Amino acid sequence: GRGPGVEVLLHAGVPSRPVTVLDLHTRRLCV
């Protein structure tokens, strides 16, 4: 409901929308 919309990427990729949320899955990765 804000701005031009949002996309969510579940793997590494190139953003294609003005607002992009990318899940890096780092929570349980080693440092």
PDB file of all heavy atoms in Angstrom:
ATOM      1  N   GLY A   1       0.794  -1.219   0.000  1.00  0.00           N
ATOM      2  CA  GLY A   1       0.000   0.000   0.000  1.00  0.00           C
ATOM      3  C   GLY A   1       0.822   1.263   0.000  1.00  0.00           C
ATOM      4  O   GLY A   1       0.286   2.366   0.095  1.00  0.00           O
ATOM      5  N   ARG A   2       2.156   1.120  -0.116  1.00  0.00           N
ATOM      6  CA  ARG A   2       3.051   2.271  -0.115  1.00  0.00           C
ATOM      7  C   ARG A   2       3.866   2.287  -1.400  1.00  0.00           C
ATOM      8  O   ARG A   2       4.353   1.244  -1.869  1.00  0.00           O
ATOM      9  CB  ARG A   2       4.019   2.199   1.066  1.00  0.00           C
ATOM     10  CG  ARG A   2       3.354   2.312   2.422  1.00  0.00           C
ATOM     11  CD  ARG A   2       3.075   3.755   2.770  1.00  0.00           C
ATOM     12  NE  ARG A   2       2.515   3.909   4.100  1.00  0.00           N
ATOM     13  CZ  ARG A   2       2.293   5.088   4.673  1.00  0.00           C
ATOM     14  NH1 ARG A   2       2.587   6.206   4.034  1.00  0.00           N
ATOM     15  NH2 ARG A   2       1.755   5.151   5.872  1.00  0.00           N
ATOM     16  N   GLY A   3       4.039   3.468  -1.984  1.00  0.00           N
ATOM     17  CA  GLY A   3       4.893   3.601  -3.148  1.00  0.00           C
ATOM     18  C   GLY A   3       4.409   2.764  -4.312  1.00  0.00           C
ATOM     19  O   GLY A   3       3.225   2.440  -4.439  1.00  0.00           O
ATOM     20  N   PRO A   4       5.342   2.351  -5.178  1.00  0.00           N
ATOM     21  CA  PRO A   4       4.956   1.649  -6.414  1.00  0.00           C
ATOM     22  C   PRO A   4       4.792   0.145  -6.257  1.00  0.00           C
ATOM     23  O   PRO A   4       4.616  -0.559  -7.238  1.00  0.00           O
ATOM     24  CB  PRO A   4       6.122   1.969  -7.349  1.00  0.00           C
ATOM     25  CG  PRO A   4       7.290   2.084  -6.425  1.00  0.00           C
ATOM     26  CD  PRO A   4       6.764   2.689  -5.147  1.00  0.00           C
ATOM     27  N   GLY A   5       4.861  -0.383  -5.046  1.00  0.00           N
ATOM     28  CA  GLY A   5       4.742  -1.822  -4.839  1.00  0.00           C
ATOM     29  C   GLY A   5       6.053  -2.448  -4.434  1.00  0.00           C
ATOM     30  O   GLY A   5       7.112  -1.825  -4.506  1.00  0.00           O
ATOM     31  N   VAL A   6       5.993  -3.709  -4.009  1.00  0.00           N
ATOM     32  CA  VAL A   6       7.172  -4.389  -3.474  1.00  0.00           C
ATOM     33  C   VAL A   6       7.249  -5.799  -4.032  1.00  0.00           C
ATOM     34  O   VAL A   6       6.227  -6.446  -4.278  1.00  0.00           O
ATOM     35  CB  VAL A   6       7.117  -4.411  -1.926  1.00  0.00           C
ATOM     36  CG1 VAL A   6       5.854  -5.074  -1.428  1.00  0.00           C
ATOM     37  CG2 VAL A   6       8.361  -5.083  -1.332  1.00  0.00           C
ATOM     38  N   GLU A   7       8.473  -6.271  -4.266  1.00  0.00           N
ATOM     39  CA  GLU A   7       8.707  -7.659  -4.653  1.00  0.00           C
ATOM     40  C   GLU A   7       9.570  -8.321  -3.591  1.00  0.00           C
ATOM     41  O   GLU A   7      10.339  -7.662  -2.890  1.00  0.00           O
ATOM     42  CB  GLU A   7       9.405  -7.750  -6.013  1.00  0.00           C
ATOM     43  CG  GLU A   7      10.829  -7.203  -6.001  1.00  0.00           C
ATOM     44  CD  GLU A   7      11.543  -7.364  -7.332  1.00  0.00           C
ATOM     45  OE1 GLU A   7      11.002  -8.044  -8.225  1.00  0.00           O
ATOM     46  OE2 GLU A   7      12.647  -6.803  -7.474  1.00  0.00           O
ATOM     47  N   VAL A   8       9.416  -9.634  -3.452  1.00  0.00           N
ATOM     48  CA  VAL A   8      10.220 -10.421  -2.520  1.00  0.00           C
ATOM     49  C   VAL A   8      10.990 -11.459  -3.315  1.00  0.00           C
ATOM     50  O   VAL A   8      10.397 -12.252  -4.055  1.00  0.00           O
ATOM     51  CB  VAL A   8       9.345 -11.118  -1.460  1.00  0.00           C
ATOM     52  CG1 VAL A   8      10.214 -11.958  -0.524  1.00  0.00           C
ATOM     53  CG2 VAL A   8       8.533 -10.096  -0.658  1.00  0.00           C
ATOM     54  N   LEU A   9      12.311 -11.451  -3.165  1.00  0.00           N
ATOM     55  CA  LEU A   9      13.170 -12.451  -3.798  1.00  0.00           C
ATOM     56  C   LEU A   9      13.634 -13.434  -2.728  1.00  0.00           C
ATOM     57  O   LEU A   9      14.179 -13.026  -1.700  1.00  0.00           O
ATOM     58  CB  LEU A   9      14.381 -11.791  -4.459  1.00  0.00           C
ATOM     59  CG  LEU A   9      14.111 -10.722  -5.521  1.00  0.00           C
ATOM     60  CD1 LEU A   9      15.423 -10.206  -6.102  1.00  0.00           C
ATOM     61  CD2 LEU A   9      13.225 -11.273  -6.629  1.00  0.00           C
ATOM     62  N   LEU A  10      13.419 -14.712  -2.981  1.00  0.00           N
ATOM     63  CA  LEU A  10      13.800 -15.734  -2.009  1.00  0.00           C
ATOM     64  C   LEU A  10      15.201 -16.276  -2.257  1.00  0.00           C
ATOM     65  O   LEU A  10      15.700 -17.083  -1.466  1.00  0.00           O
ATOM     66  CB  LEU A  10      12.784 -16.877  -2.018  1.00  0.00           C
ATOM     67  CG  LEU A  10      11.338 -16.461  -1.723  1.00  0.00           C
ATOM     68  CD1 LEU A  10      10.451 -17.689  -1.634  1.00  0.00           C
ATOM     69  CD2 LEU A  10      11.254 -15.644  -0.442  1.00  0.00           C
ATOM     70  N   HIS A  11      15.819 -15.854  -3.352  1.00  0.00           N
ATOM     71  CA  HIS A  11      17.206 -16.215  -3.650  1.00  0.00           C
ATOM     72  C   HIS A  11      17.875 -14.994  -4.263  1.00  0.00           C
ATOM     73  O   HIS A  11      17.206 -14.062  -4.714  1.00  0.00           O
ATOM     74  CB  HIS A  11      17.284 -17.409  -4.603  1.00  0.00           C
ATOM     75  CG  HIS A  11      16.681 -18.665  -4.054  1.00  0.00           C
ATOM     76  ND1 HIS A  11      17.331 -19.468  -3.159  1.00  0.00           N
ATOM     77  CD2 HIS A  11      15.468 -19.240  -4.268  1.00  0.00           C
ATOM     78  CE1 HIS A  11      16.563 -20.492  -2.839  1.00  0.00           C
ATOM     79  NE2 HIS A  11      15.418 -20.376  -3.503  1.00  0.00           N
ATOM     80  N   ALA A  12      19.192 -15.019  -4.302  1.00  0.00           N
ATOM     81  CA  ALA A  12      19.935 -13.888  -4.846  1.00  0.00           C
ATOM     82  C   ALA A  12      19.474 -13.587  -6.260  1.00  0.00           C
ATOM     83  O   ALA A  12      19.277 -14.482  -7.079  1.00  0.00           O
ATOM     84  CB  ALA A  12      21.431 -14.189  -4.833  1.00  0.00           C
ATOM     85  N   GLY A  13      19.281 -12.316  -6.542  1.00  0.00           N
ATOM     86  CA  GLY A  13      18.831 -11.906  -7.865  1.00  0.00           C
ATOM     87  C   GLY A  13      18.941 -10.408  -8.018  1.00  0.00           C
ATOM     88  O   GLY A  13      19.258  -9.698  -7.067  1.00  0.00           O
ATOM     89  N   VAL A  14      18.669  -9.930  -9.205  1.00  0.00           N
ATOM     90  CA  VAL A  14      18.742  -8.506  -9.494  1.00  0.00           C
ATOM     91  C   VAL A  14      17.366  -7.888  -9.271  1.00  0.00           C
ATOM     92  O   VAL A  14      16.375  -8.360  -9.836  1.00  0.00           O
ATOM     93  CB  VAL A  14      19.201  -8.260 -10.943  1.00  0.00           C
ATOM     94  CG1 VAL A  14      19.216  -6.766 -11.252  1.00  0.00           C
ATOM     95  CG2 VAL A  14      20.581  -8.868 -11.166  1.00  0.00           C
ATOM     96  N   PRO A  15      17.262  -6.855  -8.446  1.00  0.00           N
ATOM     97  CA  PRO A  15      15.959  -6.220  -8.210  1.00  0.00           C
ATOM     98  C   PRO A  15      15.334  -5.712  -9.501  1.00  0.00           C
ATOM     99  O   PRO A  15      16.023  -5.162 -10.363  1.00  0.00           O
ATOM    100  CB  PRO A  15      16.311  -5.055  -7.278  1.00  0.00           C
ATOM    101  CG  PRO A  15      17.590  -5.462  -6.621  1.00  0.00           C
ATOM    102  CD  PRO A  15      18.341  -6.242  -7.656  1.00  0.00           C
ATOM    103  N   SER A  16      14.030  -5.909  -9.627  1.00  0.00           N
ATOM    104  CA  SER A  16      13.319  -5.449 -10.822  1.00  0.00           C
ATOM    105  C   SER A  16      12.199  -4.478 -10.490  1.00  0.00           C
ATOM    106  O   SER A  16      11.525  -3.995 -11.399  1.00  0.00           O
ATOM    107  CB  SER A  16      12.735  -6.642 -11.586  1.00  0.00           C
ATOM    108  OG  SER A  16      11.791  -7.341 -10.783  1.00  0.00           O
ATOM    109  N   ARG A  17      11.979  -4.218  -9.214  1.00  0.00           N
ATOM    110  CA  ARG A  17      10.948  -3.281  -8.783  1.00  0.00           C
ATOM    111  C   ARG A  17      11.595  -2.179  -7.945  1.00  0.00           C
ATOM    112  O   ARG A  17      12.691  -2.364  -7.393  1.00  0.00           O
ATOM    113  CB  ARG A  17       9.886  -4.000  -7.942  1.00  0.00           C
ATOM    114  CG  ARG A  17       9.113  -5.076  -8.678  1.00  0.00           C
ATOM    115  CD  ARG A  17       8.116  -4.508  -9.670  1.00  0.00           C
ATOM    116  NE  ARG A  17       7.046  -3.788  -9.003  1.00  0.00           N
ATOM    117  CZ  ARG A  17       5.936  -4.357  -8.541  1.00  0.00           C
ATOM    118  NH1 ARG A  17       5.744  -5.665  -8.655  1.00  0.00           N
ATOM    119  NH2 ARG A  17       4.991  -3.629  -7.976  1.00  0.00           N
ATOM    120  N   PRO A  18      10.930  -1.040  -7.814  1.00  0.00           N
ATOM    121  CA  PRO A  18      11.508   0.037  -6.994  1.00  0.00           C
ATOM    122  C   PRO A  18      11.763  -0.365  -5.541  1.00  0.00           C
ATOM    123  O   PRO A  18      12.693   0.139  -4.911  1.00  0.00           O
ATOM    124  CB  PRO A  18      10.454   1.147  -7.097  1.00  0.00           C
ATOM    125  CG  PRO A  18       9.804   0.911  -8.412  1.00  0.00           C
ATOM    126  CD  PRO A  18       9.734  -0.581  -8.550  1.00  0.00           C
ATOM    127  N   VAL A  19      10.934  -1.258  -4.993  1.00  0.00           N
ATOM    128  CA  VAL A  19      11.156  -1.763  -3.635  1.00  0.00           C
ATOM    129  C   VAL A  19      11.323  -3.272  -3.708  1.00  0.00           C
ATOM    130  O   VAL A  19      10.432  -3.988  -4.169  1.00  0.00           O
ATOM    131  CB  VAL A  19       9.989  -1.408  -2.693  1.00  0.00           C
ATOM    132  CG1 VAL A  19      10.239  -1.992  -1.303  1.00  0.00           C
ATOM    133  CG2 VAL A  19       9.796   0.104  -2.608  1.00  0.00           C
ATOM    134  N   THR A  20      12.478  -3.744  -3.266  1.00  0.00           N
ATOM    135  CA  THR A  20      12.789  -5.174  -3.304  1.00  0.00           C
ATOM    136  C   THR A  20      13.212  -5.637  -1.925  1.00  0.00           C
ATOM    137  O   THR A  20      14.040  -4.993  -1.269  1.00  0.00           O
ATOM    138  CB  THR A  20      13.921  -5.475  -4.296  1.00  0.00           C
ATOM    139  OG1 THR A  20      13.511  -5.094  -5.613  1.00  0.00           O
ATOM    140  CG2 THR A  20      14.273  -6.958  -4.300  1.00  0.00           C
ATOM    141  N   VAL A  21      12.644  -6.742  -1.481  1.00  0.00           N
ATOM    142  CA  VAL A  21      13.068  -7.401  -0.246  1.00  0.00           C
ATOM    143  C   VAL A  21      13.724  -8.719  -0.637  1.00  0.00           C
ATOM    144  O   VAL A  21      13.115  -9.546  -1.324  1.00  0.00           O
ATOM    145  CB  VAL A  21      11.882  -7.657   0.704  1.00  0.00           C
ATOM    146  CG1 VAL A  21      12.360  -8.369   1.966  1.00  0.00           C
ATOM    147  CG2 VAL A  21      11.182  -6.352   1.059  1.00  0.00           C
ATOM    148  N   LEU A  22      14.961  -8.911  -0.213  1.00  0.00           N
ATOM    149  CA  LEU A  22      15.737 -10.099  -0.571  1.00  0.00           C
ATOM    150  C   LEU A  22      16.040 -10.908   0.682  1.00  0.00           C
ATOM    151  O   LEU A  22      16.643 -10.396   1.632  1.00  0.00           O
ATOM    152  CB  LEU A  22      17.040  -9.681  -1.255  1.00  0.00           C
ATOM    153  CG  LEU A  22      18.074 -10.772  -1.543  1.00  0.00           C
ATOM    154  CD1 LEU A  22      17.484 -11.861  -2.425  1.00  0.00           C
ATOM    155  CD2 LEU A  22      19.312 -10.159  -2.190  1.00  0.00           C
ATOM    156  N   ASP A  23      15.598 -12.163   0.702  1.00  0.00           N
ATOM    157  CA  ASP A  23      15.898 -13.068   1.816  1.00  0.00           C
ATOM    158  C   ASP A  23      17.265 -13.696   1.584  1.00  0.00           C
ATOM    159  O   ASP A  23      17.452 -14.475   0.646  1.00  0.00           O
ATOM    160  CB  ASP A  23      14.815 -14.147   1.921  1.00  0.00           C
ATOM    161  CG  ASP A  23      15.082 -15.126   3.057  1.00  0.00           C
ATOM    162  OD1 ASP A  23      15.983 -14.876   3.884  1.00  0.00           O
ATOM    163  OD2 ASP A  23      14.376 -16.152   3.114  1.00  0.00           O
ATOM    164  N   LEU A  24      18.221 -13.368   2.454  1.00  0.00           N
ATOM    165  CA  LEU A  24      19.587 -13.893   2.318  1.00  0.00           C
ATOM    166  C   LEU A  24      19.789 -15.210   3.070  1.00  0.00           C
ATOM    167  O   LEU A  24      20.854 -15.818   2.947  1.00  0.00           O
ATOM    168  CB  LEU A  24      20.599 -12.855   2.823  1.00  0.00           C
ATOM    169  CG  LEU A  24      20.656 -11.536   2.056  1.00  0.00           C
ATOM    170  CD1 LEU A  24      21.713 -10.619   2.681  1.00  0.00           C
ATOM    171  CD2 LEU A  24      20.979 -11.781   0.591  1.00  0.00           C
ATOM    172  N   HIS A  25      18.824 -15.615   3.875  1.00  0.00           N
ATOM    173  CA  HIS A  25      18.926 -16.887   4.623  1.00  0.00           C
ATOM    174  C   HIS A  25      20.178 -16.931   5.508  1.00  0.00           C
ATOM    175  O   HIS A  25      20.791 -17.992   5.683  1.00  0.00           O
ATOM    176  CB  HIS A  25      18.950 -18.086   3.659  1.00  0.00           C
ATOM    177  CG  HIS A  25      17.853 -18.074   2.641  1.00  0.00           C
ATOM    178  ND1 HIS A  25      16.551 -18.421   2.931  1.00  0.00           N
ATOM    179  CD2 HIS A  25      17.865 -17.746   1.324  1.00  0.00           C
ATOM    180  CE1 HIS A  25      15.806 -18.318   1.837  1.00  0.00           C
ATOM    181  NE2 HIS A  25      16.578 -17.902   0.852  1.00  0.00           N
ATOM    182  N   THR A  26      20.578 -15.805   6.073  1.00  0.00           N
ATOM    183  CA  THR A  26      21.824 -15.771   6.846  1.00  0.00           C
ATOM    184  C   THR A  26      21.642 -16.104   8.323  1.00  0.00           C
ATOM    185  O   THR A  26      22.643 -16.280   9.020  1.00  0.00           O
ATOM    186  CB  THR A  26      22.471 -14.377   6.746  1.00  0.00           C
ATOM    187  OG1 THR A  26      21.507 -13.384   7.137  1.00  0.00           O
ATOM    188  CG2 THR A  26      22.950 -14.090   5.341  1.00  0.00           C
ATOM    189  N   ARG A  27      20.419 -16.202   8.795  1.00  0.00           N
ATOM    190  CA  ARG A  27      20.198 -16.361  10.237  1.00  0.00           C
ATOM    191  C   ARG A  27      20.984 -17.525  10.823  1.00  0.00           C
ATOM    192  O   ARG A  27      21.556 -17.428  11.913  1.00  0.00           O
ATOM    193  CB  ARG A  27      18.698 -16.537  10.533  1.00  0.00           C
ATOM    194  CG  ARG A  27      18.358 -16.826  12.001  1.00  0.00           C
ATOM    195  CD  ARG A  27      18.575 -15.642  12.899  1.00  0.00           C
ATOM    196  NE  ARG A  27      17.627 -14.591  12.599  1.00  0.00           N
ATOM    197  CZ  ARG A  27      16.410 -14.502  13.138  1.00  0.00           C
ATOM    198  NH1 ARG A  27      15.992 -15.414  14.002  1.00  0.00           N
ATOM    199  NH2 ARG A  27      15.614 -13.499  12.823  1.00  0.00           N
ATOM    200  N   ARG A  28      21.043 -18.645  10.094  1.00  0.00           N
ATOM    201  CA  ARG A  28      21.711 -19.830  10.630  1.00  0.00           C
ATOM    202  C   ARG A  28      23.027 -20.143   9.914  1.00  0.00           C
ATOM    203  O   ARG A  28      23.596 -21.219  10.113  1.00  0.00           O
ATOM    204  CB  ARG A  28      20.769 -21.033  10.543  1.00  0.00           C
ATOM    205  CG  ARG A  28      19.496 -20.885  11.387  1.00  0.00           C
ATOM    206  CD  ARG A  28      19.813 -20.703  12.848  1.00  0.00           C
ATOM    207  NE  ARG A  28      18.623 -20.478  13.649  1.00  0.00           N
ATOM    208  CZ  ARG A  28      18.636 -20.174  14.942  1.00  0.00           C
ATOM    209  NH1 ARG A  28      19.790 -20.054  15.579  1.00  0.00           N
ATOM    210  NH2 ARG A  28      17.507 -19.975  15.608  1.00  0.00           N
ATOM    211  N   LEU A  29      23.500 -19.218   9.091  1.00  0.00           N
ATOM    212  CA  LEU A  29      24.786 -19.443   8.423  1.00  0.00           C
ATOM    213  C   LEU A  29      25.944 -19.199   9.382  1.00  0.00           C
ATOM    214  O   LEU A  29      25.817 -18.455  10.358  1.00  0.00           O
ATOM    215  CB  LEU A  29      24.933 -18.517   7.213  1.00  0.00           C
ATOM    216  CG  LEU A  29      24.044 -18.767   5.997  1.00  0.00           C
ATOM    217  CD1 LEU A  29      24.397 -17.772   4.899  1.00  0.00           C
ATOM    218  CD2 LEU A  29      24.193 -20.193   5.489  1.00  0.00           C
ATOM    219  N   CYS A  30      27.086 -19.806   9.076  1.00  0.00           N
ATOM    220  CA  CYS A  30      28.289 -19.492   9.840  1.00  0.00           C
ATOM    221  C   CYS A  30      28.693 -18.052   9.525  1.00  0.00           C
ATOM    222  O   CYS A  30      28.249 -17.459   8.535  1.00  0.00           O
ATOM    223  CB  CYS A  30      29.418 -20.460   9.509  1.00  0.00           C
ATOM    224  SG  CYS A  30      30.100 -20.272   7.844  1.00  0.00           S
ATOM    225  N   VAL A  31      29.543 -17.492  10.354  1.00  0.00           N
ATOM    226  CA  VAL A  31      29.909 -16.083  10.230  1.00  0.00           C
ATOM    227  C   VAL A  31      30.503 -15.771   8.864  1.00  0.00           C
ATOM    228  O   VAL A  31      30.117 -14.788   8.215  1.00  0.00           O
ATOM    229  CB  VAL A  31      30.888 -15.695  11.360  1.00  0.00           C
ATOM    230  CG1 VAL A  31      31.490 -14.318  11.095  1.00  0.00           C
ATOM    231  CG2 VAL A  31      30.173 -15.698  12.702  1.00  0.00           C
TER     232      VAL A  31
END
